Protein backbone atom coordinates (compact mmCIF):
# COMPACT_ATOMS: atom_id res chain seq x y z
CA UNK A 1 -35.91 57.59 -12.02
CA UNK A 2 -32.25 56.73 -11.47
CA UNK A 3 -29.67 59.13 -12.82
CA UNK A 4 -26.00 58.13 -13.24
CA UNK A 5 -23.30 59.62 -11.05
CA UNK A 6 -20.89 62.18 -12.45
CA UNK A 7 -17.61 62.56 -10.60
CA UNK A 8 -16.00 65.98 -10.99
CA UNK A 9 -13.20 67.39 -8.87
CA UNK A 10 -13.71 64.46 -6.44
CA UNK A 11 -17.37 65.41 -5.89
CA UNK A 12 -20.35 63.31 -6.97
CA UNK A 13 -23.42 64.68 -8.75
CA UNK A 14 -26.60 63.02 -10.04
CA UNK A 15 -26.93 63.84 -13.72
CA UNK A 16 -30.10 63.88 -15.79
CA UNK A 17 -29.07 62.51 -19.21
CA UNK A 18 -31.55 64.81 -20.96
CA UNK A 19 -29.85 67.87 -19.47
CA UNK A 20 -26.20 66.96 -19.93
CA UNK A 21 -24.35 70.04 -21.13
CA UNK A 22 -22.32 70.14 -24.31
CA UNK A 23 -19.27 70.82 -22.19
CA UNK A 24 -19.64 67.47 -20.38
CA UNK A 25 -20.23 65.62 -23.64
CA UNK A 26 -17.16 67.20 -25.19
CA UNK A 27 -14.94 65.66 -22.50
CA UNK A 28 -15.52 62.24 -24.04
CA UNK A 29 -15.24 63.48 -27.61
CA UNK A 30 -12.27 62.04 -29.52
CA UNK A 31 -9.31 64.29 -30.10
CA UNK A 32 -8.53 65.06 -33.72
CA UNK A 33 -5.37 66.00 -35.53
CA UNK A 34 -6.06 68.54 -38.25
CA UNK A 35 -3.69 69.59 -41.02
CA UNK A 36 -4.49 72.84 -42.80
CA UNK A 37 -2.85 74.38 -45.84
CA UNK A 38 -2.93 78.17 -45.72
CA UNK A 39 -1.32 81.24 -47.13
CA UNK A 40 -0.05 83.45 -44.34
CA UNK A 41 -1.17 87.10 -44.26
CA UNK A 42 1.32 89.71 -45.41
CA UNK A 43 3.92 90.45 -42.74
CA UNK A 44 7.47 91.75 -42.67
CA UNK A 45 8.64 88.18 -43.37
CA UNK A 46 6.56 87.81 -46.53
CA UNK A 47 7.70 91.24 -47.71
CA UNK A 48 11.37 90.29 -47.24
CA UNK A 49 10.87 87.04 -49.16
CA UNK A 50 9.06 88.81 -52.02
CA UNK A 51 11.50 91.71 -52.37
CA UNK A 52 14.84 89.93 -51.89
CA UNK A 53 14.03 86.29 -52.75
CA UNK A 54 15.44 85.38 -49.35
CA UNK A 55 14.32 82.60 -47.03
CA UNK A 56 13.02 83.55 -43.59
CA UNK A 57 12.68 81.05 -40.77
CA UNK A 58 11.10 81.91 -37.42
CA UNK A 59 13.07 79.75 -34.97
CA UNK A 60 11.08 80.77 -31.92
CA UNK A 61 8.54 83.38 -30.86
CA UNK A 62 7.00 84.66 -27.65
CA UNK A 63 4.41 87.29 -26.68
CA UNK A 64 5.63 90.79 -25.88
CA UNK A 65 4.21 93.16 -23.27
CA UNK A 66 2.56 95.42 -25.88
CA UNK A 67 0.41 92.68 -27.39
CA UNK A 68 2.77 91.87 -30.25
CA UNK A 69 5.36 89.12 -30.51
CA UNK A 70 9.14 88.79 -30.43
CA UNK A 71 10.61 86.49 -33.05
CA UNK A 72 14.01 84.83 -33.16
CA UNK A 73 14.67 84.63 -36.88
CA UNK A 74 17.17 83.22 -39.35
CA UNK A 75 17.36 84.78 -42.81
CA UNK A 76 19.38 83.41 -45.71
CA UNK A 77 20.01 85.55 -48.78
CA UNK A 78 22.57 86.87 -51.21
CA UNK A 79 25.58 88.22 -49.35
CA UNK A 80 25.60 91.54 -51.20
CA UNK A 81 21.96 92.17 -50.23
CA UNK A 82 22.24 91.49 -46.50
CA UNK A 83 22.74 95.15 -45.56
CA UNK A 84 19.67 96.16 -47.57
CA UNK A 85 17.65 93.37 -45.96
CA UNK A 86 18.57 94.56 -42.47
CA UNK A 87 17.60 98.16 -43.27
CA UNK A 88 14.37 96.97 -44.92
CA UNK A 89 13.37 95.03 -41.78
CA UNK A 90 14.17 97.92 -39.46
CA UNK A 91 12.06 100.31 -41.58
CA UNK A 92 9.06 97.98 -41.85
CA UNK A 93 5.80 99.49 -40.56
CA UNK A 94 5.01 96.47 -38.36
CA UNK A 95 8.48 96.19 -36.81
CA UNK A 96 8.95 98.03 -33.53
CA UNK A 97 12.52 96.92 -32.88
CA UNK A 98 15.09 94.68 -34.54
CA UNK A 99 18.42 93.46 -33.21
CA UNK A 100 20.19 91.96 -36.19
CA UNK A 101 23.57 90.19 -36.36
CA UNK A 102 24.95 89.72 -39.85
CA UNK A 103 27.11 86.64 -40.30
CA UNK A 104 29.77 85.87 -42.90
CA UNK A 105 27.91 83.01 -44.55
CA UNK A 106 25.06 84.93 -46.16
CA UNK A 107 22.94 84.40 -43.08
CA UNK A 108 21.25 86.85 -40.72
CA UNK A 109 20.34 86.00 -37.15
CA UNK A 110 18.39 88.36 -34.95
CA UNK A 111 15.40 89.21 -32.77
CA UNK A 112 12.50 91.12 -34.32
CA UNK A 113 9.73 92.71 -32.25
CA UNK A 114 6.57 93.09 -34.33
CA UNK A 115 3.08 94.39 -33.65
CA UNK A 116 1.57 91.85 -36.05
CA UNK A 117 0.41 88.85 -34.00
CA UNK A 118 -2.66 87.84 -36.01
CA UNK A 119 -2.00 84.09 -35.98
CA UNK A 120 -1.24 84.01 -32.26
CA UNK A 121 -4.45 85.91 -31.46
CA UNK A 122 -6.52 83.55 -33.60
CA UNK A 123 -5.23 80.42 -31.87
CA UNK A 124 -5.78 82.00 -28.46
CA UNK A 125 -9.49 82.42 -29.28
CA UNK A 126 -10.02 78.82 -30.40
CA UNK A 127 -10.11 75.67 -28.29
CA UNK A 128 -7.20 73.89 -29.94
CA UNK A 129 -3.45 73.42 -29.69
CA UNK A 130 -0.65 74.06 -32.19
CA UNK A 131 1.41 70.96 -32.91
CA UNK A 132 3.45 72.96 -35.44
CA UNK A 133 3.89 76.71 -35.69
CA UNK A 134 2.77 78.19 -39.04
CA UNK A 135 5.24 81.06 -38.64
CA UNK A 136 8.10 78.57 -38.25
CA UNK A 137 6.98 76.28 -41.09
CA UNK A 138 8.73 76.23 -44.45
CA UNK A 139 6.79 77.57 -47.42
CA UNK A 140 5.81 75.07 -50.10
CA UNK A 141 6.45 75.89 -53.79
CA UNK A 142 2.95 77.38 -54.11
CA UNK A 143 3.63 79.80 -51.23
CA UNK A 144 1.43 78.01 -48.68
CA UNK A 145 2.39 76.38 -45.39
CA UNK A 146 1.03 73.33 -43.59
CA UNK A 147 -0.33 73.87 -40.08
CA UNK A 148 -0.88 70.88 -37.75
CA UNK A 149 -3.27 71.29 -34.81
CA UNK A 150 -5.01 69.16 -32.19
CA UNK A 151 -8.61 69.88 -31.25
CA UNK A 152 -11.41 68.12 -29.35
CA UNK A 153 -14.31 68.43 -31.80
CA UNK A 154 -15.41 69.64 -35.23
CA UNK A 155 -16.90 72.76 -33.63
CA UNK A 156 -13.37 73.99 -32.87
CA UNK A 157 -12.39 73.47 -36.51
CA UNK A 158 -15.41 75.44 -37.74
CA UNK A 159 -14.61 78.25 -35.33
CA UNK A 160 -10.97 78.29 -36.43
CA UNK A 161 -11.87 78.41 -40.13
CA UNK A 162 -14.33 81.23 -39.44
CA UNK A 163 -11.65 83.19 -37.56
CA UNK A 164 -9.16 82.71 -40.39
CA UNK A 165 -11.73 83.77 -42.98
CA UNK A 166 -12.56 86.85 -40.92
CA UNK A 167 -8.92 87.91 -41.22
CA UNK A 168 -8.87 87.21 -44.95
CA UNK A 169 -6.84 84.02 -44.59
CA UNK A 170 -8.01 81.16 -46.78
CA UNK A 171 -7.36 77.62 -45.55
CA UNK A 172 -7.76 74.17 -47.12
CA UNK A 173 -8.25 71.07 -44.96
CA UNK A 174 -5.65 68.49 -45.92
CA UNK A 175 -6.38 65.89 -43.26
CA UNK A 176 -8.60 65.24 -40.24
CA UNK A 177 -7.87 62.12 -38.23
CA UNK A 178 -8.09 60.71 -34.75
CA UNK A 179 -5.06 61.79 -32.83
CA UNK A 180 -2.35 59.15 -32.66
CA UNK A 181 -0.02 58.24 -29.86
CA UNK A 182 2.95 60.58 -29.86
CA UNK A 183 5.21 57.94 -28.35
CA UNK A 184 7.60 58.25 -25.48
CA UNK A 185 10.32 60.87 -25.24
CA UNK A 186 13.81 59.74 -26.05
CA UNK A 187 16.44 60.04 -23.32
CA UNK A 188 17.88 63.10 -25.08
CA UNK A 189 14.48 64.76 -25.44
CA UNK A 190 13.67 64.11 -21.79
CA UNK A 191 17.01 65.61 -20.66
CA UNK A 192 16.52 68.64 -22.91
CA UNK A 193 12.93 69.26 -21.76
CA UNK A 194 13.84 68.85 -18.07
CA UNK A 195 16.79 71.24 -18.46
CA UNK A 196 14.67 73.80 -20.33
CA UNK A 197 11.95 73.55 -17.68
CA UNK A 198 14.40 74.03 -14.81
CA UNK A 199 15.95 77.00 -16.63
CA UNK A 200 12.60 78.80 -16.87
CA UNK A 201 12.22 78.42 -20.64
CA UNK A 202 8.52 77.54 -20.34
CA UNK A 203 7.69 80.31 -17.88
CA UNK A 204 6.00 83.56 -18.87
CA UNK A 205 7.91 85.73 -19.22
CA UNK A 206 10.79 83.38 -19.91
CA UNK A 207 13.76 83.45 -17.57
CA UNK A 208 15.98 82.13 -20.33
CA UNK A 209 15.69 82.29 -24.11
CA UNK A 210 16.38 79.80 -26.86
CA UNK A 211 19.80 81.21 -27.65
CA UNK A 212 21.00 81.03 -24.04
CA UNK A 213 19.56 77.54 -23.69
CA UNK A 214 21.26 76.35 -26.88
CA UNK A 215 24.65 77.53 -25.60
CA UNK A 216 24.20 75.58 -22.38
CA UNK A 217 23.18 72.43 -24.26
CA UNK A 218 25.88 72.90 -26.94
CA UNK A 219 23.45 72.81 -29.86
CA UNK A 220 22.41 75.39 -32.46
CA UNK A 221 19.26 77.48 -31.77
CA UNK A 222 17.51 76.16 -34.87
CA UNK A 223 18.24 72.51 -33.99
CA UNK A 224 17.18 73.03 -30.38
CA UNK A 225 13.97 74.76 -31.44
CA UNK A 226 13.09 71.80 -33.66
CA UNK A 227 13.85 69.30 -30.87
CA UNK A 228 11.68 71.22 -28.41
CA UNK A 229 8.78 71.34 -30.86
CA UNK A 230 9.00 67.58 -31.49
CA UNK A 231 9.15 66.85 -27.76
CA UNK A 232 6.25 69.23 -27.09
CA UNK A 233 4.22 67.49 -29.76
CA UNK A 234 4.75 64.11 -28.08
CA UNK A 235 3.87 65.49 -24.65
CA UNK A 236 0.75 67.36 -25.84
CA UNK A 237 -0.43 64.42 -27.96
CA UNK A 238 -0.08 62.04 -25.02
CA UNK A 239 -1.92 64.45 -22.71
CA UNK A 240 -4.79 65.13 -25.11
CA UNK A 241 -5.26 61.46 -25.83
CA UNK A 242 -5.42 60.58 -22.15
CA UNK A 243 -7.80 63.51 -21.49
CA UNK A 244 -10.14 62.36 -24.23
CA UNK A 245 -10.14 58.72 -23.14
């Protein structure tokens, strides 16, 4: 009986169709874009929002050496409450360290090191990619956030939902669709990504942070973080689509 040829890593193998592994089949599986609506677990950010009615935005985050994460955050609240907010963050049980700079416009900028990295650990255990960061997403009026991911098959979605449920995080599926073309990078996005890459922004650990990078590119950290995420989405979408073809 003739078996088709499988080419892998420039080597040829005869493959029995009845014994093709799920891994091989998954290579040809279409990539899917999944949008989930979920309520984030209680963290120092949710506690700040609840106690002070302030808005908290995670501009950027990265893993720390102790298994937690470091977050570059922007907090907007009533000017007379800013001092209390800073002290509240520094005393939080999940915050190991906090470097806060209080501005004159009712805004707090700072870096918070936290031991709570539940969402990051979940995504690391599942075969999918974040196209948006749930920690950096704005809360909707009902307190939930939308999370956009790319994944190769429904099995990854089932595993993700099971992981979320295991941590007490409920999630509703808003949309599942074939992944679309992310389009080409604009000239500005390409320049920004190339500069960030050359500066060591994408290395682990990073040789330069978002704040230092934003100064060099003469743009605010929040605007730069959003531009990087949009560019990353285009790059990852293009890669995943070509890999699934």
